[in-house]
C-alpha atoms as a PDB file:
ATOM      1  CA  UNK A   1       0.000  -0.206   0.184  1.00  0.00           C
ATOM      2  CA  UNK A   2       1.791   3.182  -1.081  1.00  0.00           C
ATOM      3  CA  UNK A   3      -0.290   5.520   1.071  1.00  0.00           C
ATOM      4  CA  UNK A   4       0.210   5.656   5.248  1.00  0.00           C
ATOM      5  CA  UNK A   5      -3.379   6.593   6.480  1.00  0.00           C
ATOM      6  CA  UNK A   6      -4.128   6.703  10.323  1.00  0.00           C
ATOM      7  CA  UNK A   7      -7.046   7.755  12.634  1.00  0.00           C
ATOM      8  CA  UNK A   8      -6.270   7.846  16.269  1.00  0.00           C
ATOM      9  CA  UNK A   9      -8.186  10.111  18.609  1.00  0.00           C
ATOM     10  CA  UNK A  10      -6.898  11.130  21.824  1.00  0.00           C
ATOM     11  CA  UNK A  11      -8.408  12.464  24.895  1.00  0.00           C
ATOM     12  CA  UNK A  12      -5.580  14.737  26.365  1.00  0.00           C
ATOM     13  CA  UNK A  13      -6.343  16.101  29.979  1.00  0.00           C
ATOM     14  CA  UNK A  14      -4.157  18.523  31.924  1.00  0.00           C
ATOM     15  CA  UNK A  15      -4.316  20.795  34.510  1.00  0.00           C
ATOM     16  CA  UNK A  16      -3.053  24.220  35.617  1.00  0.00           C
ATOM     17  CA  UNK A  17      -0.296  24.657  37.844  1.00  0.00           C
ATOM     18  CA  UNK A  18      -0.960  23.810  41.331  1.00  0.00           C
ATOM     19  CA  UNK A  19      -4.770  23.726  40.261  1.00  0.00           C
ATOM     20  CA  UNK A  20      -4.887  27.215  40.434  1.00  0.00           C
ATOM     21  CA  UNK A  21      -8.474  28.280  39.328  1.00  0.00           C
ATOM     22  CA  UNK A  22      -7.797  30.865  36.619  1.00  0.00           C
ATOM     23  CA  UNK A  23      -9.793  30.129  33.238  1.00  0.00           C
ATOM     24  CA  UNK A  24     -12.613  32.351  33.522  1.00  0.00           C
ATOM     25  CA  UNK A  25     -15.752  32.174  31.708  1.00  0.00           C
ATOM     26  CA  UNK A  26     -14.801  35.472  29.815  1.00  0.00           C
ATOM     27  CA  UNK A  27     -11.552  33.793  28.223  1.00  0.00           C
ATOM     28  CA  UNK A  28     -12.930  30.534  27.397  1.00  0.00           C
ATOM     29  CA  UNK A  29     -14.099  30.724  24.204  1.00  0.00           C
ATOM     30  CA  UNK A  30     -11.148  32.302  22.511  1.00  0.00           C
ATOM     31  CA  UNK A  31      -8.988  30.152  24.557  1.00  0.00           C
ATOM     32  CA  UNK A  32     -10.949  27.302  22.919  1.00  0.00           C
ATOM     33  CA  UNK A  33     -10.859  28.627  19.666  1.00  0.00           C
ATOM     34  CA  UNK A  34      -7.139  29.413  19.649  1.00  0.00           C
ATOM     35  CA  UNK A  35      -6.006  26.179  20.850  1.00  0.00           C
ATOM     36  CA  UNK A  36      -8.128  24.426  17.975  1.00  0.00           C
ATOM     37  CA  UNK A  37      -6.073  26.631  15.644  1.00  0.00           C
ATOM     38  CA  UNK A  38      -3.091  25.555  17.222  1.00  0.00           C
ATOM     39  CA  UNK A  39      -4.054  21.819  16.775  1.00  0.00           C
ATOM     40  CA  UNK A  40      -5.102  22.525  12.939  1.00  0.00           C
ATOM     41  CA  UNK A  41      -1.681  24.398  12.458  1.00  0.00           C
ATOM     42  CA  UNK A  42      -0.304  20.907  13.360  1.00  0.00           C
ATOM     43  CA  UNK A  43      -2.139  18.704  11.217  1.00  0.00           C
ATOM     44  CA  UNK A  44      -4.165  17.436  14.021  1.00  0.00           C
ATOM     45  CA  UNK A  45      -8.322  17.817  14.159  1.00  0.00           C
ATOM     46  CA  UNK A  46      -9.832  19.252  17.292  1.00  0.00           C
ATOM     47  CA  UNK A  47     -13.431  17.372  17.789  1.00  0.00           C
ATOM     48  CA  UNK A  48     -14.030  18.876  21.411  1.00  0.00           C
ATOM     49  CA  UNK A  49     -12.296  21.103  23.795  1.00  0.00           C
ATOM     50  CA  UNK A  50     -13.516  22.335  27.036  1.00  0.00           C
ATOM     51  CA  UNK A  51     -11.646  24.114  30.081  1.00  0.00           C
ATOM     52  CA  UNK A  52     -12.642  24.517  33.351  1.00  0.00           C
ATOM     53  CA  UNK A  53     -11.249  26.901  35.424  1.00  0.00           C
ATOM     54  CA  UNK A  54      -8.641  24.834  36.785  1.00  0.00           C
ATOM     55  CA  UNK A  55      -8.154  22.076  33.993  1.00  0.00           C
ATOM     56  CA  UNK A  56      -8.544  21.380  30.078  1.00  0.00           C
ATOM     57  CA  UNK A  57      -9.755  18.640  28.171  1.00  0.00           C
ATOM     58  CA  UNK A  58      -9.442  17.981  24.757  1.00  0.00           C
ATOM     59  CA  UNK A  59     -10.648  15.396  21.849  1.00  0.00           C
ATOM     60  CA  UNK A  60      -8.488  15.518  18.589  1.00  0.00           C
ATOM     61  CA  UNK A  61      -7.047  13.460  15.753  1.00  0.00           C
ATOM     62  CA  UNK A  62      -3.332  13.188  16.184  1.00  0.00           C
ATOM     63  CA  UNK A  63      -1.791  13.621  13.210  1.00  0.00           C
ATOM     64  CA  UNK A  64      -0.315  11.153  11.310  1.00  0.00           C
ATOM     65  CA  UNK A  65       3.432  12.577  11.689  1.00  0.00           C
ATOM     66  CA  UNK A  66       3.533  14.154  14.629  1.00  0.00           C
ATOM     67  CA  UNK A  67       3.880  12.292  18.351  1.00  0.00           C
ATOM     68  CA  UNK A  68       1.379  13.248  21.652  1.00  0.00           C
ATOM     69  CA  UNK A  69       4.207  14.360  23.274  1.00  0.00           C
ATOM     70  CA  UNK A  70       5.121  17.171  20.585  1.00  0.00           C
ATOM     71  CA  UNK A  71       1.553  17.652  20.248  1.00  0.00           C
ATOM     72  CA  UNK A  72       0.951  18.410  23.674  1.00  0.00           C
ATOM     73  CA  UNK A  73       4.511  20.817  24.273  1.00  0.00           C
ATOM     74  CA  UNK A  74       3.409  22.834  21.275  1.00  0.00           C
ATOM     75  CA  UNK A  75       0.028  22.937  22.560  1.00  0.00           C
ATOM     76  CA  UNK A  76       0.657  24.223  26.003  1.00  0.00           C
ATOM     77  CA  UNK A  77       3.494  26.401  25.146  1.00  0.00           C
ATOM     78  CA  UNK A  78       1.072  28.609  22.550  1.00  0.00           C
ATOM     79  CA  UNK A  79      -1.587  28.713  24.700  1.00  0.00           C
ATOM     80  CA  UNK A  80       0.203  29.561  27.556  1.00  0.00           C
ATOM     81  CA  UNK A  81       1.889  32.420  25.655  1.00  0.00           C
ATOM     82  CA  UNK A  82      -1.595  33.595  24.150  1.00  0.00           C
ATOM     83  CA  UNK A  83      -3.158  33.607  27.843  1.00  0.00           C
ATOM     84  CA  UNK A  84      -0.064  35.958  29.320  1.00  0.00           C
ATOM     85  CA  UNK A  85      -0.542  38.206  26.529  1.00  0.00           C
ATOM     86  CA  UNK A  86      -4.220  38.126  26.645  1.00  0.00           C
ATOM     87  CA  UNK A  87      -4.690  38.940  30.513  1.00  0.00           C
ATOM     88  CA  UNK A  88      -2.493  41.147  32.667  1.00  0.00           C
ATOM     89  CA  UNK A  89      -3.961  38.703  35.367  1.00  0.00           C
ATOM     90  CA  UNK A  90      -2.673  35.683  33.687  1.00  0.00           C
ATOM     91  CA  UNK A  91       1.402  37.222  33.247  1.00  0.00           C
ATOM     92  CA  UNK A  92       2.729  34.357  35.604  1.00  0.00           C
ATOM     93  CA  UNK A  93       0.318  31.797  34.130  1.00  0.00           C
ATOM     94  CA  UNK A  94       1.554  28.088  33.512  1.00  0.00           C
ATOM     95  CA  UNK A  95      -0.314  24.699  32.483  1.00  0.00           C
ATOM     96  CA  UNK A  96       1.184  21.841  34.676  1.00  0.00           C
ATOM     97  CA  UNK A  97       4.065  20.020  33.219  1.00  0.00           C
ATOM     98  CA  UNK A  98       2.744  16.598  33.345  1.00  0.00           C
ATOM     99  CA  UNK A  99      -0.701  15.770  31.283  1.00  0.00           C
ATOM    100  CA  UNK A 100      -2.861  12.307  30.864  1.00  0.00           C
ATOM    101  CA  UNK A 101      -3.239  11.238  27.304  1.00  0.00           C
ATOM    102  CA  UNK A 102      -5.770   8.465  26.648  1.00  0.00           C
ATOM    103  CA  UNK A 103      -6.600   6.627  23.484  1.00  0.00           C
ATOM    104  CA  UNK A 104     -10.569   6.917  22.207  1.00  0.00           C
ATOM    105  CA  UNK A 105     -12.256   4.331  19.788  1.00  0.00           C
ATOM    106  CA  UNK A 106     -14.168   5.525  17.214  1.00  0.00           C
ATOM    107  CA  UNK A 107     -17.498   4.056  18.930  1.00  0.00           C
ATOM    108  CA  UNK A 108     -16.516   5.601  22.071  1.00  0.00           C
ATOM    109  CA  UNK A 109     -15.940   9.231  20.602  1.00  0.00           C
ATOM    110  CA  UNK A 110     -19.665  10.542  21.110  1.00  0.00           C
ATOM    111  CA  UNK A 111     -19.432   9.363  24.744  1.00  0.00           C
ATOM    112  CA  UNK A 112     -16.339  11.243  25.275  1.00  0.00           C
ATOM    113  CA  UNK A 113     -17.373  14.170  23.332  1.00  0.00           C
ATOM    114  CA  UNK A 114     -20.243  14.416  25.487  1.00  0.00           C
ATOM    115  CA  UNK A 115     -18.589  13.827  28.555  1.00  0.00           C
ATOM    116  CA  UNK A 116     -15.972  16.615  28.046  1.00  0.00           C
ATOM    117  CA  UNK A 117     -18.944  18.929  26.913  1.00  0.00           C
ATOM    118  CA  UNK A 118     -20.627  18.456  30.207  1.00  0.00           C
ATOM    119  CA  UNK A 119     -17.730  19.442  32.364  1.00  0.00           C
ATOM    120  CA  UNK A 120     -19.354  22.082  34.454  1.00  0.00           C
ATOM    121  CA  UNK A 121     -22.135  19.535  35.401  1.00  0.00           C
ATOM    122  CA  UNK A 122     -19.601  17.021  36.214  1.00  0.00           C
ATOM    123  CA  UNK A 123     -17.252  18.994  38.289  1.00  0.00           C
ATOM    124  CA  UNK A 124     -20.456  19.565  40.957  1.00  0.00           C
ATOM    125  CA  UNK A 125     -19.618  16.345  42.364  1.00  0.00           C
ATOM    126  CA  UNK A 126     -15.795  15.836  41.571  1.00  0.00           C
ATOM    127  CA  UNK A 127     -12.691  17.659  41.895  1.00  0.00           C
ATOM    128  CA  UNK A 128      -9.821  17.520  39.456  1.00  0.00           C
ATOM    129  CA  UNK A 129      -7.966  15.587  41.003  1.00  0.00           C
ATOM    130  CA  UNK A 130     -10.361  12.557  41.637  1.00  0.00           C
ATOM    131  CA  UNK A 131     -12.019  13.000  37.997  1.00  0.00           C
ATOM    132  CA  UNK A 132      -8.139  12.330  36.623  1.00  0.00           C
ATOM    133  CA  UNK A 133      -7.345   9.715  38.954  1.00  0.00           C
ATOM    134  CA  UNK A 134     -10.876   7.802  37.988  1.00  0.00           C
ATOM    135  CA  UNK A 135      -9.605   8.174  34.175  1.00  0.00           C
ATOM    136  CA  UNK A 136      -6.198   6.868  35.135  1.00  0.00           C
ATOM    137  CA  UNK A 137      -7.810   3.752  36.601  1.00  0.00           C
ATOM    138  CA  UNK A 138     -10.376   3.706  33.832  1.00  0.00           C
ATOM    139  CA  UNK A 139      -7.627   2.973  31.390  1.00  0.00           C
ATOM    140  CA  UNK A 140      -5.622   0.987  33.156  1.00  0.00           C
ATOM    141  CA  UNK A 141      -2.455   3.453  33.987  1.00  0.00           C
ATOM    142  CA  UNK A 142      -0.206   2.797  37.115  1.00  0.00           C
ATOM    143  CA  UNK A 143       0.872   6.051  38.588  1.00  0.00           C
ATOM    144  CA  UNK A 144       2.419   7.504  41.769  1.00  0.00           C
ATOM    145  CA  UNK A 145       0.464   9.956  43.614  1.00  0.00           C
ATOM    146  CA  UNK A 146       3.568  11.720  44.793  1.00  0.00           C
ATOM    147  CA  UNK A 147       5.169  12.288  40.972  1.00  0.00           C
ATOM    148  CA  UNK A 148       1.080  13.065  39.611  1.00  0.00           C
ATOM    149  CA  UNK A 149       0.258  16.478  40.929  1.00  0.00           C
ATOM    150  CA  UNK A 150       2.944  19.643  40.890  1.00  0.00           C
END
């Protein structure tokens, strides 16, 4: 086969540094559009983006020629710089250094989209740490609590 084809959906999750609650409703829509543009520029296809004050959930199709690590590094670096320029109150903004990346099957894509879209309701009953631990367990990822948070 002369052509290389792939469709790999990733559910990406990461928080603000120390889970500081700094992403407010007034900047969210623009931030989502900006992050979607970054992904498109990397030949990744954004499917669903949502942020809460202290974290982000992004479902995207990974570009065929880029790694997850490179995608996340560029996305976080670019959005950090954009947030810092956009609002003086965010001039010291940082995302956490780590992230969670979870594979999503085509058959489960709609459910993950709905989950990401409904973060506000979800977080009425659970904080980010509990949510992230649950995602790690659901995907059978071993982790050491000492090194998950920064």
